[in-house]
């Protein structure tokens, strides 16, 4: 390699590293209780929508709860338990898409209890 190529490569490296902290900065994370309240609100909205028997609306509300739950993180045990509860949300969403609202409601209630129990793993 010539001196010119080394200079250009090192200049590019320094410029990329200089921009990375600003460019790739993540937004501030919410606290675990805030996210749990948000997830609970989404699940309550889904439970309230079950009598309407609109499978797409219920599935969308469950998906929003699941997306909110993905923001939760504290430690490995917390995340392990969170993942188990998120699977219940996924199952509830699948059941809602199949218009099995009674089973979806049961899964949502179990998921809600599971999220309430996550506070002991913080």
PDB file of N, CA and C in Angstrom:
ATOM      1  N   UNK A   1       0.838  -1.188   0.000  1.00  0.00           N
ATOM      2  CA  UNK A   1       0.000   0.000   0.000  1.00  0.00           C
ATOM      3  C   UNK A   1       0.879   1.246   0.000  1.00  0.00           C
ATOM      4  N   UNK A   2       0.398   2.170  -0.710  1.00  0.00           N
ATOM      5  CA  UNK A   2       1.152   3.413  -0.751  1.00  0.00           C
ATOM      6  C   UNK A   2       0.756   4.293   0.426  1.00  0.00           C
ATOM      7  N   UNK A   3       1.547   5.278   0.666  1.00  0.00           N
ATOM      8  CA  UNK A   3       1.305   6.208   1.762  1.00  0.00           C
ATOM      9  C   UNK A   3      -0.016   6.952   1.550  1.00  0.00           C
ATOM     10  N   UNK A   4      -0.337   7.239   0.297  1.00  0.00           N
ATOM     11  CA  UNK A   4      -1.578   7.953  -0.016  1.00  0.00           C
ATOM     12  C   UNK A   4      -2.791   7.096   0.368  1.00  0.00           C
ATOM     13  N   UNK A   5      -2.775   5.804   0.051  1.00  0.00           N
ATOM     14  CA  UNK A   5      -3.893   4.917   0.372  1.00  0.00           C
ATOM     15  C   UNK A   5      -4.049   4.758   1.883  1.00  0.00           C
ATOM     16  N   UNK A   6      -2.945   4.667   2.593  1.00  0.00           N
ATOM     17  CA  UNK A   6      -2.996   4.549   4.051  1.00  0.00           C
ATOM     18  C   UNK A   6      -3.594   5.815   4.658  1.00  0.00           C
ATOM     19  N   UNK A   7      -3.184   6.968   4.147  1.00  0.00           N
ATOM     20  CA  UNK A   7      -3.715   8.234   4.644  1.00  0.00           C
ATOM     21  C   UNK A   7      -5.220   8.338   4.406  1.00  0.00           C
ATOM     22  N   UNK A   8      -5.676   7.974   3.220  1.00  0.00           N
ATOM     23  CA  UNK A   8      -7.100   8.044   2.889  1.00  0.00           C
ATOM     24  C   UNK A   8      -7.897   7.072   3.762  1.00  0.00           C
ATOM     25  N   UNK A   9      -7.386   5.864   3.941  1.00  0.00           N
ATOM     26  CA  UNK A   9      -8.087   4.874   4.761  1.00  0.00           C
ATOM     27  C   UNK A   9      -8.180   5.326   6.213  1.00  0.00           C
ATOM     28  N   UNK A  10      -7.110   5.882   6.751  1.00  0.00           N
ATOM     29  CA  UNK A  10      -7.146   6.335   8.147  1.00  0.00           C
ATOM     30  C   UNK A  10      -8.053   7.555   8.307  1.00  0.00           C
ATOM     31  N   UNK A  11      -8.078   8.434   7.319  1.00  0.00           N
ATOM     32  CA  UNK A  11      -8.969   9.603   7.365  1.00  0.00           C
ATOM     33  C   UNK A  11     -10.427   9.160   7.340  1.00  0.00           C
ATOM     34  N   UNK A  12     -10.752   8.206   6.488  1.00  0.00           N
ATOM     35  CA  UNK A  12     -12.127   7.680   6.440  1.00  0.00           C
ATOM     36  C   UNK A  12     -12.508   7.013   7.755  1.00  0.00           C
ATOM     37  N   UNK A  13     -11.594   6.263   8.333  1.00  0.00           N
ATOM     38  CA  UNK A  13     -11.865   5.597   9.598  1.00  0.00           C
ATOM     39  C   UNK A  13     -12.163   6.600  10.702  1.00  0.00           C
ATOM     40  N   UNK A  14     -11.355   7.640  10.796  1.00  0.00           N
ATOM     41  CA  UNK A  14     -11.559   8.661  11.819  1.00  0.00           C
ATOM     42  C   UNK A  14     -12.885   9.387  11.596  1.00  0.00           C
ATOM     43  N   UNK A  15     -13.223   9.691  10.357  1.00  0.00           N
ATOM     44  CA  UNK A  15     -14.480  10.401  10.093  1.00  0.00           C
ATOM     45  C   UNK A  15     -15.685   9.530  10.400  1.00  0.00           C
ATOM     46  N   UNK A  16     -15.612   8.247  10.096  1.00  0.00           N
ATOM     47  CA  UNK A  16     -16.719   7.335  10.411  1.00  0.00           C
ATOM     48  C   UNK A  16     -16.887   7.210  11.913  1.00  0.00           C
ATOM     49  N   UNK A  17     -15.807   7.076  12.643  1.00  0.00           N
ATOM     50  CA  UNK A  17     -15.891   6.973  14.098  1.00  0.00           C
ATOM     51  C   UNK A  17     -16.403   8.260  14.727  1.00  0.00           C
ATOM     52  N   UNK A  18     -16.095   9.373  14.152  1.00  0.00           N
ATOM     53  CA  UNK A  18     -16.561  10.660  14.673  1.00  0.00           C
ATOM     54  C   UNK A  18     -18.049  10.845  14.509  1.00  0.00           C
ATOM     55  N   UNK A  19     -18.618  10.367  13.418  1.00  0.00           N
ATOM     56  CA  UNK A  19     -20.046  10.506  13.174  1.00  0.00           C
ATOM     57  C   UNK A  19     -20.873   9.429  13.854  1.00  0.00           C
ATOM     58  N   UNK A  20     -20.280   8.308  14.169  1.00  0.00           N
ATOM     59  CA  UNK A  20     -21.059   7.165  14.640  1.00  0.00           C
ATOM     60  C   UNK A  20     -21.796   7.439  15.941  1.00  0.00           C
ATOM     61  N   UNK A  21     -21.188   8.162  16.858  1.00  0.00           N
ATOM     62  CA  UNK A  21     -21.859   8.388  18.139  1.00  0.00           C
ATOM     63  C   UNK A  21     -23.093   9.253  17.976  1.00  0.00           C
ATOM     64  N   UNK A  22     -23.066  10.199  17.083  1.00  0.00           N
ATOM     65  CA  UNK A  22     -24.215  11.072  16.877  1.00  0.00           C
ATOM     66  C   UNK A  22     -25.220  10.421  15.939  1.00  0.00           C
ATOM     67  N   UNK A  23     -24.734   9.837  14.887  1.00  0.00           N
ATOM     68  CA  UNK A  23     -25.609   9.277  13.865  1.00  0.00           C
ATOM     69  C   UNK A  23     -26.369   8.054  14.340  1.00  0.00           C
ATOM     70  N   UNK A  24     -25.700   7.205  15.084  1.00  0.00           N
ATOM     71  CA  UNK A  24     -26.310   5.951  15.478  1.00  0.00           C
ATOM     72  C   UNK A  24     -26.818   5.952  16.916  1.00  0.00           C
ATOM     73  N   UNK A  25     -26.984   7.108  17.488  1.00  0.00           N
ATOM     74  CA  UNK A  25     -27.460   7.188  18.873  1.00  0.00           C
ATOM     75  C   UNK A  25     -28.894   6.695  18.953  1.00  0.00           C
ATOM     76  N   UNK A  26     -29.179   5.910  19.976  1.00  0.00           N
ATOM     77  CA  UNK A  26     -30.527   5.398  20.184  1.00  0.00           C
ATOM     78  C   UNK A  26     -31.297   6.370  21.060  1.00  0.00           C
ATOM     79  N   UNK A  27     -32.599   6.329  20.921  1.00  0.00           N
ATOM     80  CA  UNK A  27     -33.417   7.184  21.768  1.00  0.00           C
ATOM     81  C   UNK A  27     -33.405   6.644  23.198  1.00  0.00           C
ATOM     82  N   UNK A  28     -33.752   7.500  24.111  1.00  0.00           N
ATOM     83  CA  UNK A  28     -33.733   7.138  25.516  1.00  0.00           C
ATOM     84  C   UNK A  28     -34.792   6.071  25.779  1.00  0.00           C
ATOM     85  N   UNK A  29     -34.396   5.032  26.515  1.00  0.00           N
ATOM     86  CA  UNK A  29     -35.320   3.957  26.838  1.00  0.00           C
ATOM     87  C   UNK A  29     -36.239   4.376  27.976  1.00  0.00           C
ATOM     88  N   UNK A  30     -37.441   3.870  27.927  1.00  0.00           N
ATOM     89  CA  UNK A  30     -38.390   4.104  29.006  1.00  0.00           C
ATOM     90  C   UNK A  30     -38.062   3.153  30.147  1.00  0.00           C
ATOM     91  N   UNK A  31     -38.535   3.503  31.324  1.00  0.00           N
ATOM     92  CA  UNK A  31     -38.321   2.614  32.457  1.00  0.00           C
ATOM     93  C   UNK A  31     -39.241   1.409  32.334  1.00  0.00           C
ATOM     94  N   UNK A  32     -38.900   0.358  33.032  1.00  0.00           N
ATOM     95  CA  UNK A  32     -39.679  -0.882  32.957  1.00  0.00           C
ATOM     96  C   UNK A  32     -41.131  -0.653  33.392  1.00  0.00           C
ATOM     97  N   UNK A  33     -41.399   0.046  34.508  1.00  0.00           N
ATOM     98  CA  UNK A  33     -42.809   0.260  34.879  1.00  0.00           C
ATOM     99  C   UNK A  33     -43.604   1.046  33.835  1.00  0.00           C
ATOM    100  N   UNK A  34     -42.961   2.010  33.170  1.00  0.00           N
ATOM    101  CA  UNK A  34     -43.655   2.765  32.122  1.00  0.00           C
ATOM    102  C   UNK A  34     -44.042   1.851  30.961  1.00  0.00           C
ATOM    103  N   UNK A  35     -43.116   1.011  30.548  1.00  0.00           N
ATOM    104  CA  UNK A  35     -43.388   0.100  29.426  1.00  0.00           C
ATOM    105  C   UNK A  35     -44.444  -0.920  29.825  1.00  0.00           C
ATOM    106  N   UNK A  36     -44.385  -1.413  31.061  1.00  0.00           N
ATOM    107  CA  UNK A  36     -45.402  -2.371  31.525  1.00  0.00           C
ATOM    108  C   UNK A  36     -46.793  -1.739  31.516  1.00  0.00           C
ATOM    109  N   UNK A  37     -46.888  -0.468  31.897  1.00  0.00           N
ATOM    110  CA  UNK A  37     -48.186   0.223  31.848  1.00  0.00           C
ATOM    111  C   UNK A  37     -48.674   0.354  30.412  1.00  0.00           C
ATOM    112  N   UNK A  38     -47.756   0.659  29.510  1.00  0.00           N
ATOM    113  CA  UNK A  38     -48.104   0.788  28.101  1.00  0.00           C
ATOM    114  C   UNK A  38     -48.586  -0.551  27.527  1.00  0.00           C
ATOM    115  N   UNK A  39     -47.869  -1.622  27.852  1.00  0.00           N
ATOM    116  CA  UNK A  39     -48.249  -2.961  27.384  1.00  0.00           C
ATOM    117  C   UNK A  39     -49.616  -3.330  27.950  1.00  0.00           C
ATOM    118  N   UNK A  40     -49.826  -3.047  29.237  1.00  0.00           N
ATOM    119  CA  UNK A  40     -51.103  -3.348  29.870  1.00  0.00           C
ATOM    120  C   UNK A  40     -52.241  -2.578  29.207  1.00  0.00           C
ATOM    121  N   UNK A  41     -51.987  -1.334  28.848  1.00  0.00           N
ATOM    122  CA  UNK A  41     -53.020  -0.531  28.174  1.00  0.00           C
ATOM    123  C   UNK A  41     -53.375  -1.126  26.809  1.00  0.00           C
ATOM    124  N   UNK A  42     -52.362  -1.587  26.084  1.00  0.00           N
ATOM    125  CA  UNK A  42     -52.623  -2.217  24.776  1.00  0.00           C
ATOM    126  C   UNK A  42     -53.418  -3.519  24.951  1.00  0.00           C
ATOM    127  N   UNK A  43     -53.056  -4.301  25.961  1.00  0.00           N
ATOM    128  CA  UNK A  43     -53.776  -5.558  26.182  1.00  0.00           C
ATOM    129  C   UNK A  43     -55.203  -5.293  26.633  1.00  0.00           C
ATOM    130  N   UNK A  44     -55.412  -4.257  27.450  1.00  0.00           N
ATOM    131  CA  UNK A  44     -56.768  -3.919  27.872  1.00  0.00           C
ATOM    132  C   UNK A  44     -57.596  -3.469  26.680  1.00  0.00           C
ATOM    133  N   UNK A  45     -56.989  -2.713  25.783  1.00  0.00           N
ATOM    134  CA  UNK A  45     -57.699  -2.293  24.569  1.00  0.00           C
ATOM    135  C   UNK A  45     -58.083  -3.504  23.719  1.00  0.00           C
ATOM    136  N   UNK A  46     -57.191  -4.480  23.636  1.00  0.00           N
ATOM    137  CA  UNK A  46     -57.498  -5.703  22.882  1.00  0.00           C
ATOM    138  C   UNK A  46     -58.622  -6.479  23.557  1.00  0.00           C
ATOM    139  N   UNK A  47     -58.575  -6.568  24.885  1.00  0.00           N
ATOM    140  CA  UNK A  47     -59.656  -7.260  25.615  1.00  0.00           C
ATOM    141  C   UNK A  47     -60.985  -6.543  25.443  1.00  0.00           C
ATOM    142  N   UNK A  48     -60.956  -5.220  25.429  1.00  0.00           N
ATOM    143  CA  UNK A  48     -62.178  -4.445  25.231  1.00  0.00           C
ATOM    144  C   UNK A  48     -62.728  -4.597  23.813  1.00  0.00           C
ATOM    145  N   UNK A  49     -61.855  -4.883  22.856  1.00  0.00           N
ATOM    146  CA  UNK A  49     -62.275  -5.016  21.460  1.00  0.00           C
ATOM    147  C   UNK A  49     -62.815  -6.403  21.132  1.00  0.00           C
ATOM    148  N   UNK A  50     -62.640  -7.358  22.024  1.00  0.00           N
ATOM    149  CA  UNK A  50     -63.085  -8.731  21.736  1.00  0.00           C
ATOM    150  C   UNK A  50     -64.595  -8.823  21.489  1.00  0.00           C
ATOM    151  N   UNK A  51     -65.446  -8.133  22.252  1.00  0.00           N
ATOM    152  CA  UNK A  51     -66.883  -8.232  21.956  1.00  0.00           C
ATOM    153  C   UNK A  51     -67.266  -7.749  20.561  1.00  0.00           C
ATOM    154  N   UNK A  52     -66.457  -6.889  19.959  1.00  0.00           N
ATOM    155  CA  UNK A  52     -66.773  -6.409  18.606  1.00  0.00           C
ATOM    156  C   UNK A  52     -66.540  -7.482  17.549  1.00  0.00           C
ATOM    157  N   UNK A  53     -65.777  -8.511  17.882  1.00  0.00           N
ATOM    158  CA  UNK A  53     -65.490  -9.648  16.994  1.00  0.00           C
ATOM    159  C   UNK A  53     -64.812  -9.222  15.696  1.00  0.00           C
ATOM    160  N   UNK A  54     -64.009  -8.184  15.749  1.00  0.00           N
ATOM    161  CA  UNK A  54     -63.230  -7.729  14.596  1.00  0.00           C
ATOM    162  C   UNK A  54     -61.820  -8.306  14.717  1.00  0.00           C
ATOM    163  N   UNK A  55     -61.579  -9.393  14.013  1.00  0.00           N
ATOM    164  CA  UNK A  55     -60.319 -10.127  14.188  1.00  0.00           C
ATOM    165  C   UNK A  55     -59.093  -9.305  13.807  1.00  0.00           C
ATOM    166  N   UNK A  56     -59.177  -8.492  12.768  1.00  0.00           N
ATOM    167  CA  UNK A  56     -58.011  -7.711  12.359  1.00  0.00           C
ATOM    168  C   UNK A  56     -57.685  -6.623  13.379  1.00  0.00           C
ATOM    169  N   UNK A  57     -58.706  -5.998  13.926  1.00  0.00           N
ATOM    170  CA  UNK A  57     -58.476  -4.953  14.928  1.00  0.00           C
ATOM    171  C   UNK A  57     -57.854  -5.548  16.192  1.00  0.00           C
ATOM    172  N   UNK A  58     -58.373  -6.679  16.633  1.00  0.00           N
ATOM    173  CA  UNK A  58     -57.847  -7.332  17.833  1.00  0.00           C
ATOM    174  C   UNK A  58     -56.405  -7.774  17.609  1.00  0.00           C
ATOM    175  N   UNK A  59     -56.141  -8.371  16.443  1.00  0.00           N
ATOM    176  CA  UNK A  59     -54.782  -8.822  16.121  1.00  0.00           C
ATOM    177  C   UNK A  59     -53.820  -7.640  16.075  1.00  0.00           C
ATOM    178  N   UNK A  60     -54.269  -6.509  15.554  1.00  0.00           N
ATOM    179  CA  UNK A  60     -53.426  -5.319  15.505  1.00  0.00           C
ATOM    180  C   UNK A  60     -53.116  -4.802  16.901  1.00  0.00           C
ATOM    181  N   UNK A  61     -54.110  -4.787  17.771  1.00  0.00           N
ATOM    182  CA  UNK A  61     -53.897  -4.331  19.145  1.00  0.00           C
ATOM    183  C   UNK A  61     -52.947  -5.256  19.897  1.00  0.00           C
ATOM    184  N   UNK A  62     -53.065  -6.551  19.655  1.00  0.00           N
ATOM    185  CA  UNK A  62     -52.156  -7.503  20.301  1.00  0.00           C
ATOM    186  C   UNK A  62     -50.741  -7.310  19.769  1.00  0.00           C
ATOM    187  N   UNK A  63     -50.614  -7.042  18.476  1.00  0.00           N
ATOM    188  CA  UNK A  63     -49.297  -6.806  17.886  1.00  0.00           C
ATOM    189  C   UNK A  63     -48.653  -5.562  18.501  1.00  0.00           C
ATOM    190  N   UNK A  64     -49.438  -4.519  18.738  1.00  0.00           N
ATOM    191  CA  UNK A  64     -48.913  -3.310  19.373  1.00  0.00           C
ATOM    192  C   UNK A  64     -48.414  -3.610  20.780  1.00  0.00           C
ATOM    193  N   UNK A  65     -49.156  -4.450  21.511  1.00  0.00           N
ATOM    194  CA  UNK A  65     -48.723  -4.840  22.855  1.00  0.00           C
ATOM    195  C   UNK A  65     -47.411  -5.609  22.785  1.00  0.00           C
ATOM    196  N   UNK A  66     -47.292  -6.474  21.815  1.00  0.00           N
ATOM    197  CA  UNK A  66     -46.078  -7.267  21.652  1.00  0.00           C
ATOM    198  C   UNK A  66     -44.886  -6.379  21.289  1.00  0.00           C
ATOM    199  N   UNK A  67     -45.117  -5.396  20.424  1.00  0.00           N
ATOM    200  CA  UNK A  67     -44.043  -4.481  20.047  1.00  0.00           C
ATOM    201  C   UNK A  67     -43.605  -3.634  21.231  1.00  0.00           C
ATOM    202  N   UNK A  68     -44.556  -3.210  22.040  1.00  0.00           N
ATOM    203  CA  UNK A  68     -44.211  -2.448  23.241  1.00  0.00           C
ATOM    204  C   UNK A  68     -43.418  -3.314  24.210  1.00  0.00           C
ATOM    205  N   UNK A  69     -43.789  -4.578  24.303  1.00  0.00           N
ATOM    206  CA  UNK A  69     -43.106  -5.494  25.218  1.00  0.00           C
ATOM    207  C   UNK A  69     -41.664  -5.742  24.796  1.00  0.00           C
ATOM    208  N   UNK A  70     -41.364  -5.574  23.521  1.00  0.00           N
ATOM    209  CA  UNK A  70     -39.994  -5.802  23.061  1.00  0.00           C
ATOM    210  C   UNK A  70     -39.032  -4.751  23.609  1.00  0.00           C
ATOM    211  N   UNK A  71     -39.566  -3.629  24.114  1.00  0.00           N
ATOM    212  CA  UNK A  71     -38.722  -2.592  24.704  1.00  0.00           C
ATOM    213  C   UNK A  71     -38.283  -2.946  26.119  1.00  0.00           C
ATOM    214  N   UNK A  72     -38.893  -3.955  26.707  1.00  0.00           N
ATOM    215  CA  UNK A  72     -38.572  -4.337  28.080  1.00  0.00           C
ATOM    216  C   UNK A  72     -37.245  -5.078  28.152  1.00  0.00           C
ATOM    217  N   UNK A  73     -36.383  -4.618  29.023  1.00  0.00           N
ATOM    218  CA  UNK A  73     -35.160  -5.366  29.287  1.00  0.00           C
ATOM    219  C   UNK A  73     -34.607  -4.934  30.638  1.00  0.00           C
ATOM    220  N   UNK A  74     -34.135  -5.879  31.392  1.00  0.00           N
ATOM    221  CA  UNK A  74     -33.536  -5.587  32.692  1.00  0.00           C
ATOM    222  C   UNK A  74     -32.333  -6.500  32.911  1.00  0.00           C
ATOM    223  N   UNK A  75     -32.568  -7.805  32.908  1.00  0.00           N
ATOM    224  CA  UNK A  75     -31.488  -8.778  33.054  1.00  0.00           C
ATOM    225  C   UNK A  75     -31.901 -10.043  32.317  1.00  0.00           C
ATOM    226  N   UNK A  76     -31.049 -11.035  32.306  1.00  0.00           N
ATOM    227  CA  UNK A  76     -31.329 -12.231  31.500  1.00  0.00           C
ATOM    228  C   UNK A  76     -32.560 -12.989  31.990  1.00  0.00           C
ATOM    229  N   UNK A  77     -32.761 -13.075  33.303  1.00  0.00           N
ATOM    230  CA  UNK A  77     -33.924 -13.783  33.845  1.00  0.00           C
ATOM    231  C   UNK A  77     -35.205 -13.041  33.482  1.00  0.00           C
ATOM    232  N   UNK A  78     -35.165 -11.717  33.581  1.00  0.00           N
ATOM    233  CA  UNK A  78     -36.310 -10.887  33.219  1.00  0.00           C
ATOM    234  C   UNK A  78     -36.662 -11.099  31.747  1.00  0.00           C
ATOM    235  N   UNK A  79     -35.661 -11.056  30.891  1.00  0.00           N
ATOM    236  CA  UNK A  79     -35.905 -11.215  29.461  1.00  0.00           C
ATOM    237  C   UNK A  79     -36.378 -12.620  29.119  1.00  0.00           C
ATOM    238  N   UNK A  80     -35.886 -13.619  29.824  1.00  0.00           N
ATOM    239  CA  UNK A  80     -36.343 -14.989  29.620  1.00  0.00           C
ATOM    240  C   UNK A  80     -37.833 -15.101  29.943  1.00  0.00           C
ATOM    241  N   UNK A  81     -38.235 -14.552  31.079  1.00  0.00           N
ATOM    242  CA  UNK A  81     -39.647 -14.585  31.471  1.00  0.00           C
ATOM    243  C   UNK A  81     -40.496 -13.728  30.533  1.00  0.00           C
ATOM    244  N   UNK A  82     -39.955 -12.584  30.101  1.00  0.00           N
ATOM    245  CA  UNK A  82     -40.686 -11.728  29.157  1.00  0.00           C
ATOM    246  C   UNK A  82     -40.959 -12.477  27.859  1.00  0.00           C
ATOM    247  N   UNK A  83     -39.967 -13.206  27.383  1.00  0.00           N
ATOM    248  CA  UNK A  83     -40.136 -13.949  26.137  1.00  0.00           C
ATOM    249  C   UNK A  83     -41.215 -15.017  26.257  1.00  0.00           C
ATOM    250  N   UNK A  84     -41.308 -15.648  27.422  1.00  0.00           N
ATOM    251  CA  UNK A  84     -42.365 -16.645  27.624  1.00  0.00           C
ATOM    252  C   UNK A  84     -43.740 -15.993  27.565  1.00  0.00           C
ATOM    253  N   UNK A  85     -43.862 -14.803  28.122  1.00  0.00           N
ATOM    254  CA  UNK A  85     -45.160 -14.112  28.118  1.00  0.00           C
ATOM    255  C   UNK A  85     -45.477 -13.585  26.717  1.00  0.00           C
ATOM    256  N   UNK A  86     -44.455 -13.143  25.992  1.00  0.00           N
ATOM    257  CA  UNK A  86     -44.671 -12.654  24.623  1.00  0.00           C
ATOM    258  C   UNK A  86     -45.179 -13.786  23.729  1.00  0.00           C
ATOM    259  N   UNK A  87     -44.756 -15.011  24.009  1.00  0.00           N
ATOM    260  CA  UNK A  87     -45.277 -16.154  23.243  1.00  0.00           C
ATOM    261  C   UNK A  87     -46.776 -16.315  23.447  1.00  0.00           C
ATOM    262  N   UNK A  88     -47.258 -15.999  24.638  1.00  0.00           N
ATOM    263  CA  UNK A  88     -48.699 -16.043  24.888  1.00  0.00           C
ATOM    264  C   UNK A  88     -49.408 -14.979  24.060  1.00  0.00           C
ATOM    265  N   UNK A  89     -48.790 -13.806  23.938  1.00  0.00           N
ATOM    266  CA  UNK A  89     -49.365 -12.757  23.084  1.00  0.00           C
ATOM    267  C   UNK A  89     -49.411 -13.212  21.624  1.00  0.00           C
ATOM    268  N   UNK A  90     -48.352 -13.865  21.199  1.00  0.00           N
ATOM    269  CA  UNK A  90     -48.302 -14.353  19.819  1.00  0.00           C
ATOM    270  C   UNK A  90     -49.413 -15.384  19.580  1.00  0.00           C
ATOM    271  N   UNK A  91     -49.590 -16.269  20.540  1.00  0.00           N
ATOM    272  CA  UNK A  91     -50.643 -17.276  20.416  1.00  0.00           C
ATOM    273  C   UNK A  91     -52.017 -16.619  20.407  1.00  0.00           C
ATOM    274  N   UNK A  92     -52.205 -15.603  21.258  1.00  0.00           N
ATOM    275  CA  UNK A  92     -53.482 -14.877  21.287  1.00  0.00           C
ATOM    276  C   UNK A  92     -53.736 -14.190  19.952  1.00  0.00           C
ATOM    277  N   UNK A  93     -52.699 -13.653  19.354  1.00  0.00           N
ATOM    278  CA  UNK A  93     -52.858 -12.989  18.057  1.00  0.00           C
ATOM    279  C   UNK A  93     -53.264 -13.991  16.983  1.00  0.00           C
ATOM    280  N   UNK A  94     -52.624 -15.146  16.988  1.00  0.00           N
ATOM    281  CA  UNK A  94     -52.978 -16.181  16.009  1.00  0.00           C
ATOM    282  C   UNK A  94     -54.423 -16.639  16.192  1.00  0.00           C
ATOM    283  N   UNK A  95     -54.833 -16.795  17.449  1.00  0.00           N
ATOM    284  CA  UNK A  95     -56.211 -17.202  17.721  1.00  0.00           C
ATOM    285  C   UNK A  95     -57.205 -16.125  17.292  1.00  0.00           C
ATOM    286  N   UNK A  96     -56.845 -14.867  17.499  1.00  0.00           N
ATOM    287  CA  UNK A  96     -57.720 -13.774  17.083  1.00  0.00           C
ATOM    288  C   UNK A  96     -57.868 -13.743  15.567  1.00  0.00           C
ATOM    289  N   UNK A  97     -56.780 -14.019  14.855  1.00  0.00           N
ATOM    290  CA  UNK A  97     -56.848 -14.063  13.398  1.00  0.00           C
ATOM    291  C   UNK A  97     -57.759 -15.185  12.922  1.00  0.00           C
ATOM    292  N   UNK A  98     -57.818 -16.277  13.707  1.00  0.00           N
ATOM    293  CA  UNK A  98     -58.675 -17.416  13.360  1.00  0.00           C
ATOM    294  C   UNK A  98     -60.093 -17.233  13.890  1.00  0.00           C
ATOM    295  N   UNK A  99     -60.367 -16.082  14.490  1.00  0.00           N
ATOM    296  CA  UNK A  99     -61.677 -15.734  15.058  1.00  0.00           C
ATOM    297  C   UNK A  99     -62.069 -16.620  16.234  1.00  0.00           C
ATOM    298  N   UNK A 100     -61.092 -17.149  16.943  1.00  0.00           N
ATOM    299  CA  UNK A 100     -61.350 -17.907  18.173  1.00  0.00           C
ATOM    300  C   UNK A 100     -61.164 -16.932  19.337  1.00  0.00           C
ATOM    301  N   UNK A 101     -62.186 -16.101  19.537  1.00  0.00           N
ATOM    302  CA  UNK A 101     -62.063 -14.985  20.473  1.00  0.00           C
ATOM    303  C   UNK A 101     -62.041 -15.423  21.931  1.00  0.00           C
ATOM    304  N   UNK A 102     -62.717 -16.493  22.262  1.00  0.00           N
ATOM    305  CA  UNK A 102     -62.724 -16.957  23.653  1.00  0.00           C
ATOM    306  C   UNK A 102     -61.327 -17.418  24.069  1.00  0.00           C
ATOM    307  N   UNK A 103     -60.684 -18.191  23.210  1.00  0.00           N
ATOM    308  CA  UNK A 103     -59.335 -18.661  23.514  1.00  0.00           C
ATOM    309  C   UNK A 103     -58.340 -17.501  23.491  1.00  0.00           C
ATOM    310  N   UNK A 104     -58.530 -16.554  22.568  1.00  0.00           N
ATOM    311  CA  UNK A 104     -57.651 -15.391  22.501  1.00  0.00           C
ATOM    312  C   UNK A 104     -57.784 -14.556  23.777  1.00  0.00           C
ATOM    313  N   UNK A 105     -59.007 -14.418  24.260  1.00  0.00           N
ATOM    314  CA  UNK A 105     -59.228 -13.668  25.493  1.00  0.00           C
ATOM    315  C   UNK A 105     -58.530 -14.352  26.670  1.00  0.00           C
ATOM    316  N   UNK A 106     -58.604 -15.667  26.729  1.00  0.00           N
ATOM    317  CA  UNK A 106     -57.945 -16.412  27.801  1.00  0.00           C
ATOM    318  C   UNK A 106     -56.429 -16.226  27.742  1.00  0.00           C
ATOM    319  N   UNK A 107     -55.864 -16.312  26.549  1.00  0.00           N
ATOM    320  CA  UNK A 107     -54.420 -16.122  26.387  1.00  0.00           C
ATOM    321  C   UNK A 107     -54.007 -14.696  26.776  1.00  0.00           C
ATOM    322  N   UNK A 108     -54.840 -13.715  26.403  1.00  0.00           N
ATOM    323  CA  UNK A 108     -54.541 -12.334  26.767  1.00  0.00           C
ATOM    324  C   UNK A 108     -54.552 -12.139  28.279  1.00  0.00           C
ATOM    325  N   UNK A 109     -55.518 -12.754  28.938  1.00  0.00           N
ATOM    326  CA  UNK A 109     -55.588 -12.637  30.392  1.00  0.00           C
ATOM    327  C   UNK A 109     -54.367 -13.279  31.046  1.00  0.00           C
ATOM    328  N   UNK A 110     -53.947 -14.426  30.538  1.00  0.00           N
ATOM    329  CA  UNK A 110     -52.758 -15.087  31.071  1.00  0.00           C
ATOM    330  C   UNK A 110     -51.500 -14.251  30.807  1.00  0.00           C
ATOM    331  N   UNK A 111     -51.441 -13.640  29.626  1.00  0.00           N
ATOM    332  CA  UNK A 111     -50.297 -12.783  29.306  1.00  0.00           C
ATOM    333  C   UNK A 111     -50.280 -11.557  30.213  1.00  0.00           C
ATOM    334  N   UNK A 112     -51.438 -11.025  30.479  1.00  0.00           N
ATOM    335  CA  UNK A 112     -51.529  -9.849  31.357  1.00  0.00           C
ATOM    336  C   UNK A 112     -51.021 -10.189  32.760  1.00  0.00           C
ATOM    337  N   UNK A 113     -51.413 -11.361  33.252  1.00  0.00           N
ATOM    338  CA  UNK A 113     -50.917 -11.807  34.560  1.00  0.00           C
ATOM    339  C   UNK A 113     -49.403 -12.028  34.515  1.00  0.00           C
ATOM    340  N   UNK A 114     -48.932 -12.568  33.404  1.00  0.00           N
ATOM    341  CA  UNK A 114     -47.497 -12.795  33.244  1.00  0.00           C
ATOM    342  C   UNK A 114     -46.706 -11.499  33.260  1.00  0.00           C
ATOM    343  N   UNK A 115     -47.216 -10.481  32.576  1.00  0.00           N
ATOM    344  CA  UNK A 115     -46.534  -9.189  32.583  1.00  0.00           C
ATOM    345  C   UNK A 115     -46.575  -8.561  33.969  1.00  0.00           C
ATOM    346  N   UNK A 116     -47.672  -8.745  34.679  1.00  0.00           N
ATOM    347  CA  UNK A 116     -47.743  -8.221  36.040  1.00  0.00           C
ATOM    348  C   UNK A 116     -46.723  -8.910  36.940  1.00  0.00           C
ATOM    349  N   UNK A 117     -46.441 -10.177  36.677  1.00  0.00           N
ATOM    350  CA  UNK A 117     -45.477 -10.922  37.468  1.00  0.00           C
ATOM    351  C   UNK A 117     -44.026 -10.620  37.128  1.00  0.00           C
ATOM    352  N   UNK A 118     -43.795  -9.890  36.047  1.00  0.00           N
ATOM    353  CA  UNK A 118     -42.417  -9.583  35.647  1.00  0.00           C
ATOM    354  C   UNK A 118     -41.730  -8.625  36.607  1.00  0.00           C
ATOM    355  N   UNK A 119     -42.487  -7.890  37.384  1.00  0.00           N
ATOM    356  CA  UNK A 119     -41.876  -6.894  38.277  1.00  0.00           C
ATOM    357  C   UNK A 119     -40.959  -7.538  39.324  1.00  0.00           C
ATOM    358  N   UNK A 120     -41.202  -8.791  39.655  1.00  0.00           N
ATOM    359  CA  UNK A 120     -40.347  -9.440  40.660  1.00  0.00           C
ATOM    360  C   UNK A 120     -39.003  -9.875  40.088  1.00  0.00           C
ATOM    361  N   UNK A 121     -38.816  -9.807  38.781  1.00  0.00           N
ATOM    362  CA  UNK A 121     -37.553 -10.215  38.177  1.00  0.00           C
ATOM    363  C   UNK A 121     -36.619  -9.044  37.862  1.00  0.00           C
ATOM    364  N   UNK A 122     -37.010  -7.842  38.245  1.00  0.00           N
ATOM    365  CA  UNK A 122     -36.176  -6.657  37.969  1.00  0.00           C
ATOM    366  C   UNK A 122     -34.947  -6.650  38.815  1.00  0.00           C
TER     367      UNK A 122
END
